[in-house]
Amino acid sequence: MRFVKDYMRDDTLRHALNVLTQENFGFDFENWVKNGYYEGAYIPYSYEENGKVIANVSVNQMKFIQNGIEKYYIQIGTVMTGKEFRNRGYARELMEKVIADYIEICDGIYLFGNLSALGFYDKMGFSRGMQYQYILRSDVRMMHQENENKLEALDYFQLVDSKNQLQKSGYTYAVRNSAVNATLEQKNKYGLQMFHTSGMKKVYYSIKLDCYVVMEEQKGTLYLQSVICTKKIRLEQILAHIKGEYANVILGFTPCKEDIDLVESQPYNGKNDYRLFCLGEQMERIETEKLYFPKYSHA
């Protein structure tokens, strides 16, 4: 058994990582790398044996603008061990290597832990954190619904054609050059944003605003997950160009301070999906400043 890290451009090792990732999470990184979305910020720490990756903990180098201040966080993800190699302490050893490499040079380390592994992260010294999710105020939502149909049809956000390369190129350009439109905005978002949205299934574009949003409707609730625009844009402008009536509008990001009067916040612990774990005093500000990690910054 040997320790290997930072090998995503090594086809042999990456393929071995893909096998373990498929076994544990049902996805792999091949298209992400082959399509040019990987830019080096995802760094696997792994144990390899006889051509197989048997355990892994990955580093995601995250650069944020948080209330106007640059932050360098490390998000840990893809924590996994092959079935026949579990309960040998491999994940703990890899986690310790990551923490040793980064704790002194970053502003904090965090991860979104599976509900089945909460005790493991507690033992590793992580503290449980709380985010705040933002929901559009009901009176604001009703006002926008009453004003609907005052625009031309093509002025509203339209679903991007995933087969139209010109439209897709426009989106990828906007992702690379996106302005800060959230209180907690990831600067180096290209890799993760494209990991989650390269299929373009939920990406919409407004010609009038020259702005993209990623959104979806579930059981009468609109989830406005991401705003991608090369210029500063107000949340109110975006809402005015979304067609449809919804019982709720939930944001996948922390709105800017100038838009905060349009929304209400509530503590969010990940519900049935995950729990936020943090390491480092600065990470406490996520809770005290009532922030929400952008939906598509999750690794």
C-alpha atoms as a PDB file:
ATOM      1  CA  MET A   1       0.000   0.000   0.000  1.00  0.00           C
ATOM      2  CA  ARG A   2       1.256   3.484  -0.838  1.00  0.00           C
ATOM      3  CA  PHE A   3       0.087   7.052  -0.256  1.00  0.00           C
ATOM      4  CA  VAL A   4      -0.592   9.167  -3.367  1.00  0.00           C
ATOM      5  CA  LYS A   5      -2.026  12.650  -3.798  1.00  0.00           C
ATOM      6  CA  ASP A   6      -2.745  15.356  -6.383  1.00  0.00           C
ATOM      7  CA  TYR A   7      -2.937  12.951  -9.312  1.00  0.00           C
ATOM      8  CA  MET A   8      -6.074  13.986 -11.216  1.00  0.00           C
ATOM      9  CA  ARG A   9      -4.124  14.367 -14.462  1.00  0.00           C
ATOM     10  CA  ASP A  10      -2.694  10.847 -14.096  1.00  0.00           C
ATOM     11  CA  ASP A  11      -5.116   8.733 -16.142  1.00  0.00           C
ATOM     12  CA  THR A  12      -4.323   5.452 -14.385  1.00  0.00           C
ATOM     13  CA  LEU A  13      -4.756   6.735 -10.836  1.00  0.00           C
ATOM     14  CA  ARG A  14      -7.760   8.872 -11.745  1.00  0.00           C
ATOM     15  CA  HIS A  15      -9.503   5.854 -13.248  1.00  0.00           C
ATOM     16  CA  ALA A  16      -8.823   3.923 -10.037  1.00  0.00           C
ATOM     17  CA  LEU A  17     -10.329   6.802  -8.043  1.00  0.00           C
ATOM     18  CA  ASN A  18     -13.351   6.775 -10.351  1.00  0.00           C
ATOM     19  CA  VAL A  19     -13.996   3.106  -9.552  1.00  0.00           C
ATOM     20  CA  LEU A  20     -14.105   3.767  -5.805  1.00  0.00           C
ATOM     21  CA  THR A  21     -16.193   6.919  -6.270  1.00  0.00           C
ATOM     22  CA  GLN A  22     -18.732   5.033  -8.363  1.00  0.00           C
ATOM     23  CA  GLU A  23     -18.937   2.287  -5.738  1.00  0.00           C
ATOM     24  CA  ASN A  24     -19.533   4.761  -2.911  1.00  0.00           C
ATOM     25  CA  PHE A  25     -21.387   7.711  -4.454  1.00  0.00           C
ATOM     26  CA  GLY A  26     -22.548   6.651  -7.911  1.00  0.00           C
ATOM     27  CA  PHE A  27     -20.593   9.203  -9.946  1.00  0.00           C
ATOM     28  CA  ASP A  28     -17.080   9.734 -11.283  1.00  0.00           C
ATOM     29  CA  PHE A  29     -14.851  12.563 -12.497  1.00  0.00           C
ATOM     30  CA  GLU A  30     -14.060  11.433 -16.030  1.00  0.00           C
ATOM     31  CA  ASN A  31     -16.262  13.769 -18.068  1.00  0.00           C
ATOM     32  CA  TRP A  32     -15.462  16.637 -15.706  1.00  0.00           C
ATOM     33  CA  VAL A  33     -11.748  16.229 -16.399  1.00  0.00           C
ATOM     34  CA  LYS A  34     -12.029  15.371 -20.105  1.00  0.00           C
ATOM     35  CA  ASN A  35     -14.282  18.373 -20.802  1.00  0.00           C
ATOM     36  CA  GLY A  36     -11.761  20.773 -19.278  1.00  0.00           C
ATOM     37  CA  TYR A  37     -13.676  21.738 -16.144  1.00  0.00           C
ATOM     38  CA  TYR A  38     -11.015  20.486 -13.733  1.00  0.00           C
ATOM     39  CA  GLU A  39      -8.529  23.276 -12.991  1.00  0.00           C
ATOM     40  CA  GLY A  40      -6.456  21.863 -10.148  1.00  0.00           C
ATOM     41  CA  ALA A  41      -8.382  22.919  -7.037  1.00  0.00           C
ATOM     42  CA  TYR A  42      -9.567  19.356  -6.331  1.00  0.00           C
ATOM     43  CA  ILE A  43      -6.725  17.359  -4.747  1.00  0.00           C
ATOM     44  CA  PRO A  44      -7.273  13.715  -3.761  1.00  0.00           C
ATOM     45  CA  TYR A  45      -5.304  12.167  -0.880  1.00  0.00           C
ATOM     46  CA  SER A  46      -5.457   8.402  -1.343  1.00  0.00           C
ATOM     47  CA  TYR A  47      -4.110   5.018  -0.423  1.00  0.00           C
ATOM     48  CA  GLU A  48      -3.447   2.813  -3.455  1.00  0.00           C
ATOM     49  CA  GLU A  49      -2.832  -0.926  -3.456  1.00  0.00           C
ATOM     50  CA  ASN A  50      -2.349  -3.240  -6.443  1.00  0.00           C
ATOM     51  CA  GLY A  51      -3.726  -0.664  -8.851  1.00  0.00           C
ATOM     52  CA  LYS A  52      -6.809   0.100  -6.750  1.00  0.00           C
ATOM     53  CA  VAL A  53      -7.568   3.240  -4.761  1.00  0.00           C
ATOM     54  CA  ILE A  54      -8.739   1.745  -1.475  1.00  0.00           C
ATOM     55  CA  ALA A  55      -9.337   4.912   0.578  1.00  0.00           C
ATOM     56  CA  ASN A  56      -9.601   8.613  -0.173  1.00  0.00           C
ATOM     57  CA  VAL A  57     -10.066  12.057   1.351  1.00  0.00           C
ATOM     58  CA  SER A  58     -10.097  14.983  -1.080  1.00  0.00           C
ATOM     59  CA  VAL A  59      -9.153  18.630  -0.656  1.00  0.00           C
ATOM     60  CA  ASN A  60     -11.109  21.354  -2.420  1.00  0.00           C
ATOM     61  CA  GLN A  61      -9.316  24.703  -2.397  1.00  0.00           C
ATOM     62  CA  MET A  62     -12.084  27.275  -1.992  1.00  0.00           C
ATOM     63  CA  LYS A  63     -11.619  31.005  -2.528  1.00  0.00           C
ATOM     64  CA  PHE A  64     -14.535  33.089  -1.284  1.00  0.00           C
ATOM     65  CA  ILE A  65     -15.547  36.712  -0.971  1.00  0.00           C
ATOM     66  CA  GLN A  66     -17.237  36.824   2.433  1.00  0.00           C
ATOM     67  CA  ASN A  67     -18.841  40.150   3.305  1.00  0.00           C
ATOM     68  CA  GLY A  68     -16.310  41.845   1.027  1.00  0.00           C
ATOM     69  CA  ILE A  69     -13.282  40.040   2.496  1.00  0.00           C
ATOM     70  CA  GLU A  70     -11.282  37.344   0.683  1.00  0.00           C
ATOM     71  CA  LYS A  71     -11.196  33.973   2.443  1.00  0.00           C
ATOM     72  CA  TYR A  72      -9.250  30.831   1.648  1.00  0.00           C
ATOM     73  CA  TYR A  73     -11.070  27.787   2.968  1.00  0.00           C
ATOM     74  CA  ILE A  74     -10.489  24.085   2.493  1.00  0.00           C
ATOM     75  CA  GLN A  75     -13.559  21.956   1.860  1.00  0.00           C
ATOM     76  CA  ILE A  76     -13.045  18.245   2.445  1.00  0.00           C
ATOM     77  CA  GLY A  77     -15.029  15.867   0.278  1.00  0.00           C
ATOM     78  CA  THR A  78     -15.196  12.414  -1.326  1.00  0.00           C
ATOM     79  CA  VAL A  79     -14.332  10.724   1.979  1.00  0.00           C
ATOM     80  CA  MET A  80     -14.567   7.000   1.278  1.00  0.00           C
ATOM     81  CA  THR A  81     -13.029   3.590   1.854  1.00  0.00           C
ATOM     82  CA  GLY A  82     -13.446   0.369  -0.109  1.00  0.00           C
ATOM     83  CA  LYS A  83     -15.754  -2.124   1.606  1.00  0.00           C
ATOM     84  CA  GLU A  84     -13.048  -4.707   2.270  1.00  0.00           C
ATOM     85  CA  PHE A  85     -10.692  -2.092   3.744  1.00  0.00           C
ATOM     86  CA  ARG A  86     -12.975  -0.386   6.248  1.00  0.00           C
ATOM     87  CA  ASN A  87     -12.417  -0.132  10.006  1.00  0.00           C
ATOM     88  CA  ARG A  88      -8.638   0.031   9.590  1.00  0.00           C
ATOM     89  CA  GLY A  89      -8.254   3.755  10.257  1.00  0.00           C
ATOM     90  CA  TYR A  90      -7.331   4.688   6.679  1.00  0.00           C
ATOM     91  CA  ALA A  91      -9.809   7.578   6.411  1.00  0.00           C
ATOM     92  CA  ARG A  92      -8.609   8.975   9.736  1.00  0.00           C
ATOM     93  CA  GLU A  93      -4.964   8.828   8.604  1.00  0.00           C
ATOM     94  CA  LEU A  94      -5.752  10.592   5.333  1.00  0.00           C
ATOM     95  CA  MET A  95      -7.803  13.222   7.149  1.00  0.00           C
ATOM     96  CA  GLU A  96      -4.881  13.867   9.492  1.00  0.00           C
ATOM     97  CA  LYS A  97      -2.572  14.361   6.496  1.00  0.00           C
ATOM     98  CA  VAL A  98      -4.955  16.924   4.991  1.00  0.00           C
ATOM     99  CA  ILE A  99      -5.322  18.837   8.243  1.00  0.00           C
ATOM    100  CA  ALA A 100      -1.548  18.866   8.805  1.00  0.00           C
ATOM    101  CA  ASP A 101      -0.945  20.226   5.292  1.00  0.00           C
ATOM    102  CA  TYR A 102      -3.527  23.017   5.403  1.00  0.00           C
ATOM    103  CA  ILE A 103      -4.573  24.074   8.901  1.00  0.00           C
ATOM    104  CA  GLU A 104      -1.799  26.683   9.196  1.00  0.00           C
ATOM    105  CA  ILE A 105      -2.178  28.168   5.705  1.00  0.00           C
ATOM    106  CA  CYS A 106      -5.951  28.499   5.301  1.00  0.00           C
ATOM    107  CA  ASP A 107      -8.720  30.432   7.031  1.00  0.00           C
ATOM    108  CA  GLY A 108     -10.594  27.296   8.006  1.00  0.00           C
ATOM    109  CA  ILE A 109     -11.526  23.744   7.037  1.00  0.00           C
ATOM    110  CA  TYR A 110     -15.059  22.469   6.594  1.00  0.00           C
ATOM    111  CA  LEU A 111     -17.047  19.589   5.173  1.00  0.00           C
ATOM    112  CA  PHE A 112     -20.603  18.407   4.668  1.00  0.00           C
ATOM    113  CA  GLY A 113     -20.710  15.120   6.537  1.00  0.00           C
ATOM    114  CA  ASN A 114     -23.025  12.222   5.767  1.00  0.00           C
ATOM    115  CA  LEU A 115     -25.465  11.499   8.569  1.00  0.00           C
ATOM    116  CA  SER A 116     -23.960   8.027   8.939  1.00  0.00           C
ATOM    117  CA  ALA A 117     -20.494   9.436   9.718  1.00  0.00           C
ATOM    118  CA  LEU A 118     -21.223  12.144  12.272  1.00  0.00           C
ATOM    119  CA  GLY A 119     -19.361  10.415  15.096  1.00  0.00           C
ATOM    120  CA  PHE A 120     -16.239  10.083  12.953  1.00  0.00           C
ATOM    121  CA  TYR A 121     -16.006  13.831  12.347  1.00  0.00           C
ATOM    122  CA  ASP A 122     -16.716  14.593  15.990  1.00  0.00           C
ATOM    123  CA  LYS A 123     -13.728  12.420  16.941  1.00  0.00           C
ATOM    124  CA  MET A 124     -11.542  14.213  14.365  1.00  0.00           C
ATOM    125  CA  GLY A 125     -12.008  17.467  16.277  1.00  0.00           C
ATOM    126  CA  PHE A 126     -14.524  19.149  14.001  1.00  0.00           C
ATOM    127  CA  SER A 127     -17.275  21.321  15.464  1.00  0.00           C
ATOM    128  CA  ARG A 128     -20.811  21.162  14.146  1.00  0.00           C
ATOM    129  CA  GLY A 129     -21.806  24.364  12.400  1.00  0.00           C
ATOM    130  CA  MET A 130     -25.055  25.994  11.361  1.00  0.00           C
ATOM    131  CA  GLN A 131     -25.918  27.788   8.154  1.00  0.00           C
ATOM    132  CA  TYR A 132     -28.821  30.141   7.467  1.00  0.00           C
ATOM    133  CA  GLN A 133     -31.097  29.565   4.505  1.00  0.00           C
ATOM    134  CA  TYR A 134     -32.901  32.468   2.839  1.00  0.00           C
ATOM    135  CA  ILE A 135     -36.523  32.424   1.701  1.00  0.00           C
ATOM    136  CA  LEU A 136     -38.287  35.150  -0.253  1.00  0.00           C
ATOM    137  CA  ARG A 137     -40.756  37.068   1.899  1.00  0.00           C
ATOM    138  CA  SER A 138     -44.338  36.143   1.035  1.00  0.00           C
ATOM    139  CA  ASP A 139     -45.408  39.751   0.381  1.00  0.00           C
ATOM    140  CA  VAL A 140     -42.489  40.256  -2.025  1.00  0.00           C
ATOM    141  CA  ARG A 141     -43.330  37.012  -3.811  1.00  0.00           C
ATOM    142  CA  MET A 142     -46.992  37.988  -4.138  1.00  0.00           C
ATOM    143  CA  MET A 143     -46.084  41.426  -5.472  1.00  0.00           C
ATOM    144  CA  HIS A 144     -43.958  39.925  -8.247  1.00  0.00           C
ATOM    145  CA  GLN A 145     -46.665  37.432  -9.158  1.00  0.00           C
ATOM    146  CA  GLU A 146     -49.233  40.247  -9.412  1.00  0.00           C
ATOM    147  CA  ASN A 147     -46.903  42.172 -11.745  1.00  0.00           C
ATOM    148  CA  GLU A 148     -46.339  39.176 -14.021  1.00  0.00           C
ATOM    149  CA  ASN A 149     -47.074  39.463 -17.754  1.00  0.00           C
ATOM    150  CA  LYS A 150     -45.905  43.078 -17.908  1.00  0.00           C
ATOM    151  CA  LEU A 151     -42.823  42.007 -19.867  1.00  0.00           C
ATOM    152  CA  GLU A 152     -42.444  40.653 -23.351  1.00  0.00           C
ATOM    153  CA  ALA A 153     -42.299  36.846 -23.392  1.00  0.00           C
ATOM    154  CA  LEU A 154     -38.644  36.721 -24.447  1.00  0.00           C
ATOM    155  CA  ASP A 155     -37.634  39.084 -21.628  1.00  0.00           C
ATOM    156  CA  TYR A 156     -38.256  36.361 -19.057  1.00  0.00           C
ATOM    157  CA  PHE A 157     -35.648  33.755 -18.200  1.00  0.00           C
ATOM    158  CA  GLN A 158     -35.683  31.013 -20.828  1.00  0.00           C
ATOM    159  CA  LEU A 159     -34.257  27.509 -20.471  1.00  0.00           C
ATOM    160  CA  VAL A 160     -30.880  27.257 -22.197  1.00  0.00           C
ATOM    161  CA  ASP A 161     -30.709  24.755 -25.059  1.00  0.00           C
ATOM    162  CA  SER A 162     -28.118  22.196 -23.931  1.00  0.00           C
ATOM    163  CA  LYS A 163     -27.377  21.309 -27.569  1.00  0.00           C
ATOM    164  CA  ASN A 164     -26.701  24.910 -28.562  1.00  0.00           C
ATOM    165  CA  GLN A 165     -22.934  25.345 -28.243  1.00  0.00           C
ATOM    166  CA  LEU A 166     -23.162  29.133 -28.548  1.00  0.00           C
ATOM    167  CA  GLN A 167     -25.523  29.315 -25.582  1.00  0.00           C
ATOM    168  CA  LYS A 168     -23.381  26.897 -23.581  1.00  0.00           C
ATOM    169  CA  SER A 169     -20.246  28.920 -24.366  1.00  0.00           C
ATOM    170  CA  GLY A 170     -22.008  32.056 -23.151  1.00  0.00           C
ATOM    171  CA  TYR A 171     -22.802  30.344 -19.869  1.00  0.00           C
ATOM    172  CA  THR A 172     -19.274  29.017 -19.315  1.00  0.00           C
ATOM    173  CA  TYR A 173     -17.860  32.489 -20.060  1.00  0.00           C
ATOM    174  CA  ALA A 174     -20.236  34.036 -17.530  1.00  0.00           C
ATOM    175  CA  VAL A 175     -19.277  31.449 -14.898  1.00  0.00           C
ATOM    176  CA  ARG A 176     -15.594  32.286 -15.351  1.00  0.00           C
ATOM    177  CA  ASN A 177     -16.233  36.028 -15.198  1.00  0.00           C
ATOM    178  CA  SER A 178     -19.131  36.186 -12.770  1.00  0.00           C
ATOM    179  CA  ALA A 179     -19.489  39.251 -10.561  1.00  0.00           C
ATOM    180  CA  VAL A 180     -20.047  39.014  -6.808  1.00  0.00           C
ATOM    181  CA  ASN A 181     -23.804  38.659  -6.373  1.00  0.00           C
ATOM    182  CA  ALA A 182     -23.912  37.024  -2.934  1.00  0.00           C
ATOM    183  CA  THR A 183     -22.637  37.834   0.546  1.00  0.00           C
ATOM    184  CA  LEU A 184     -20.681  34.562   0.463  1.00  0.00           C
ATOM    185  CA  GLU A 185     -19.534  34.157  -3.145  1.00  0.00           C
ATOM    186  CA  GLN A 186     -17.051  31.585  -4.411  1.00  0.00           C
ATOM    187  CA  LYS A 187     -14.417  33.256  -6.584  1.00  0.00           C
ATOM    188  CA  ASN A 188     -12.926  30.114  -8.129  1.00  0.00           C
ATOM    189  CA  LYS A 189     -16.345  28.656  -8.891  1.00  0.00           C
ATOM    190  CA  TYR A 190     -15.740  27.397 -12.436  1.00  0.00           C
ATOM    191  CA  GLY A 191     -14.794  23.806 -11.604  1.00  0.00           C
ATOM    192  CA  LEU A 192     -17.565  23.043  -9.121  1.00  0.00           C
ATOM    193  CA  GLN A 193     -20.238  25.095 -10.890  1.00  0.00           C
ATOM    194  CA  MET A 194     -19.605  23.169 -14.099  1.00  0.00           C
ATOM    195  CA  PHE A 195     -19.429  19.854 -12.224  1.00  0.00           C
ATOM    196  CA  HIS A 196     -23.006  20.462 -11.094  1.00  0.00           C
ATOM    197  CA  THR A 197     -24.464  22.279 -14.112  1.00  0.00           C
ATOM    198  CA  SER A 198     -22.568  21.313 -17.292  1.00  0.00           C
ATOM    199  CA  GLY A 199     -25.627  19.335 -18.440  1.00  0.00           C
ATOM    200  CA  MET A 200     -27.473  22.697 -18.580  1.00  0.00           C
ATOM    201  CA  LYS A 201     -30.759  21.058 -17.494  1.00  0.00           C
ATOM    202  CA  LYS A 202     -31.645  23.803 -15.007  1.00  0.00           C
ATOM    203  CA  VAL A 203     -29.814  26.782 -16.536  1.00  0.00           C
ATOM    204  CA  TYR A 204     -31.924  29.746 -17.693  1.00  0.00           C
ATOM    205  CA  TYR A 205     -30.939  32.943 -19.490  1.00  0.00           C
ATOM    206  CA  SER A 206     -32.517  36.393 -19.749  1.00  0.00           C
ATOM    207  CA  ILE A 207     -31.555  38.326 -22.873  1.00  0.00           C
ATOM    208  CA  LYS A 208     -32.783  41.570 -21.341  1.00  0.00           C
ATOM    209  CA  LEU A 209     -30.689  41.185 -18.184  1.00  0.00           C
ATOM    210  CA  ASP A 210     -27.799  39.312 -19.859  1.00  0.00           C
ATOM    211  CA  CYS A 211     -27.888  37.055 -16.817  1.00  0.00           C
ATOM    212  CA  TYR A 212     -28.069  33.326 -16.118  1.00  0.00           C
ATOM    213  CA  VAL A 213     -29.780  31.617 -13.211  1.00  0.00           C
ATOM    214  CA  VAL A 214     -29.882  27.980 -12.186  1.00  0.00           C
ATOM    215  CA  MET A 215     -33.293  27.126 -10.793  1.00  0.00           C
ATOM    216  CA  GLU A 216     -35.819  24.328 -10.460  1.00  0.00           C
ATOM    217  CA  GLU A 217     -39.361  23.859  -9.222  1.00  0.00           C
ATOM    218  CA  GLN A 218     -40.324  21.096  -6.803  1.00  0.00           C
ATOM    219  CA  LYS A 219     -43.856  20.693  -5.442  1.00  0.00           C
ATOM    220  CA  GLY A 220     -44.718  24.360  -5.878  1.00  0.00           C
ATOM    221  CA  THR A 221     -41.458  25.689  -4.443  1.00  0.00           C
ATOM    222  CA  LEU A 222     -38.943  27.476  -6.659  1.00  0.00           C
ATOM    223  CA  TYR A 223     -35.319  26.802  -5.747  1.00  0.00           C
ATOM    224  CA  LEU A 224     -33.227  29.672  -7.109  1.00  0.00           C
ATOM    225  CA  GLN A 225     -29.875  27.989  -6.687  1.00  0.00           C
ATOM    226  CA  SER A 226     -27.381  30.243  -8.434  1.00  0.00           C
ATOM    227  CA  VAL A 227     -27.054  33.646 -10.132  1.00  0.00           C
ATOM    228  CA  ILE A 228     -24.392  33.912 -12.826  1.00  0.00           C
ATOM    229  CA  CYS A 229     -23.900  37.384 -14.260  1.00  0.00           C
ATOM    230  CA  THR A 230     -20.819  39.319 -15.361  1.00  0.00           C
ATOM    231  CA  LYS A 231     -22.168  42.455 -13.704  1.00  0.00           C
ATOM    232  CA  LYS A 232     -23.718  43.298 -10.364  1.00  0.00           C
ATOM    233  CA  ILE A 233     -27.437  42.618 -10.433  1.00  0.00           C
ATOM    234  CA  ARG A 234     -30.179  43.076  -7.865  1.00  0.00           C
ATOM    235  CA  LEU A 235     -32.269  40.157  -6.681  1.00  0.00           C
ATOM    236  CA  GLU A 236     -35.415  42.169  -7.389  1.00  0.00           C
ATOM    237  CA  GLN A 237     -34.468  42.440 -11.068  1.00  0.00           C
ATOM    238  CA  ILE A 238     -34.023  38.696 -11.282  1.00  0.00           C
ATOM    239  CA  LEU A 239     -37.353  37.950  -9.604  1.00  0.00           C
ATOM    240  CA  ALA A 240     -39.161  40.311 -11.982  1.00  0.00           C
ATOM    241  CA  HIS A 241     -37.934  38.228 -14.926  1.00  0.00           C
ATOM    242  CA  ILE A 242     -38.933  34.803 -13.573  1.00  0.00           C
ATOM    243  CA  LYS A 243     -42.295  33.630 -14.864  1.00  0.00           C
ATOM    244  CA  GLY A 244     -44.654  31.508 -12.793  1.00  0.00           C
ATOM    245  CA  GLU A 245     -46.462  31.320  -9.458  1.00  0.00           C
ATOM    246  CA  TYR A 246     -44.809  29.552  -6.537  1.00  0.00           C
ATOM    247  CA  ALA A 247     -45.786  28.845  -2.950  1.00  0.00           C
ATOM    248  CA  ASN A 248     -42.206  29.571  -1.832  1.00  0.00           C
ATOM    249  CA  VAL A 249     -38.932  30.789  -3.314  1.00  0.00           C
ATOM    250  CA  ILE A 250     -35.828  29.405  -1.585  1.00  0.00           C
ATOM    251  CA  LEU A 251     -32.348  30.709  -2.375  1.00  0.00           C
ATOM    252  CA  GLY A 252     -29.288  28.485  -2.774  1.00  0.00           C
ATOM    253  CA  PHE A 253     -26.983  31.334  -1.708  1.00  0.00           C
ATOM    254  CA  THR A 254     -26.758  34.228   0.748  1.00  0.00           C
ATOM    255  CA  PRO A 255     -28.245  37.372  -0.822  1.00  0.00           C
ATOM    256  CA  CYS A 256     -26.286  40.622  -0.873  1.00  0.00           C
ATOM    257  CA  LYS A 257     -26.943  43.095   1.933  1.00  0.00           C
ATOM    258  CA  GLU A 258     -28.828  45.454  -0.380  1.00  0.00           C
ATOM    259  CA  ASP A 259     -31.313  42.619  -1.047  1.00  0.00           C
ATOM    260  CA  ILE A 260     -31.665  41.395   2.513  1.00  0.00           C
ATOM    261  CA  ASP A 261     -34.987  43.199   3.053  1.00  0.00           C
ATOM    262  CA  LEU A 262     -36.579  40.948   0.415  1.00  0.00           C
ATOM    263  CA  VAL A 263     -35.954  37.736   2.341  1.00  0.00           C
ATOM    264  CA  GLU A 264     -36.281  35.985   5.669  1.00  0.00           C
ATOM    265  CA  SER A 265     -33.618  33.717   7.141  1.00  0.00           C
ATOM    266  CA  GLN A 266     -33.898  30.520   9.106  1.00  0.00           C
ATOM    267  CA  PRO A 267     -31.287  28.204  10.650  1.00  0.00           C
ATOM    268  CA  TYR A 268     -30.446  25.326   8.342  1.00  0.00           C
ATOM    269  CA  ASN A 269     -28.617  22.208   9.509  1.00  0.00           C
ATOM    270  CA  GLY A 270     -28.756  20.186   6.282  1.00  0.00           C
ATOM    271  CA  LYS A 271     -31.920  18.328   7.321  1.00  0.00           C
ATOM    272  CA  ASN A 272     -31.785  14.742   6.033  1.00  0.00           C
ATOM    273  CA  ASP A 273     -28.830  15.317   3.697  1.00  0.00           C
ATOM    274  CA  TYR A 274     -25.796  16.353   5.731  1.00  0.00           C
ATOM    275  CA  ARG A 275     -24.343  18.243   8.683  1.00  0.00           C
ATOM    276  CA  LEU A 276     -21.810  21.050   8.405  1.00  0.00           C
ATOM    277  CA  PHE A 277     -18.544  20.396  10.268  1.00  0.00           C
ATOM    278  CA  CYS A 278     -15.935  23.114  10.795  1.00  0.00           C
ATOM    279  CA  LEU A 279     -12.350  23.397  11.993  1.00  0.00           C
ATOM    280  CA  GLY A 280     -10.850  26.788  12.862  1.00  0.00           C
ATOM    281  CA  GLU A 281     -12.155  29.836  14.739  1.00  0.00           C
ATOM    282  CA  GLN A 282     -12.902  31.835  11.592  1.00  0.00           C
ATOM    283  CA  MET A 283     -15.412  29.207  10.504  1.00  0.00           C
ATOM    284  CA  GLU A 284     -17.637  30.280  13.406  1.00  0.00           C
ATOM    285  CA  ARG A 285     -18.494  33.382  11.363  1.00  0.00           C
ATOM    286  CA  ILE A 286     -20.529  31.290   8.958  1.00  0.00           C
ATOM    287  CA  GLU A 287     -23.082  30.975  11.740  1.00  0.00           C
ATOM    288  CA  THR A 288     -22.675  34.379  13.411  1.00  0.00           C
ATOM    289  CA  GLU A 289     -22.907  36.215  10.062  1.00  0.00           C
ATOM    290  CA  LYS A 290     -25.885  34.047   9.068  1.00  0.00           C
ATOM    291  CA  LEU A 291     -24.312  32.738   5.873  1.00  0.00           C
ATOM    292  CA  TYR A 292     -25.138  29.875   3.520  1.00  0.00           C
ATOM    293  CA  PHE A 293     -22.518  28.117   1.438  1.00  0.00           C
ATOM    294  CA  PRO A 294     -23.561  28.404  -2.232  1.00  0.00           C
ATOM    295  CA  LYS A 295     -25.446  25.313  -3.360  1.00  0.00           C
ATOM    296  CA  TYR A 296     -23.023  24.577  -6.179  1.00  0.00           C
ATOM    297  CA  SER A 297     -19.918  25.103  -4.071  1.00  0.00           C
ATOM    298  CA  HIS A 298     -20.571  21.709  -2.450  1.00  0.00           C
ATOM    299  CA  ALA A 299     -17.943  19.151  -3.440  1.00  0.00           C
END
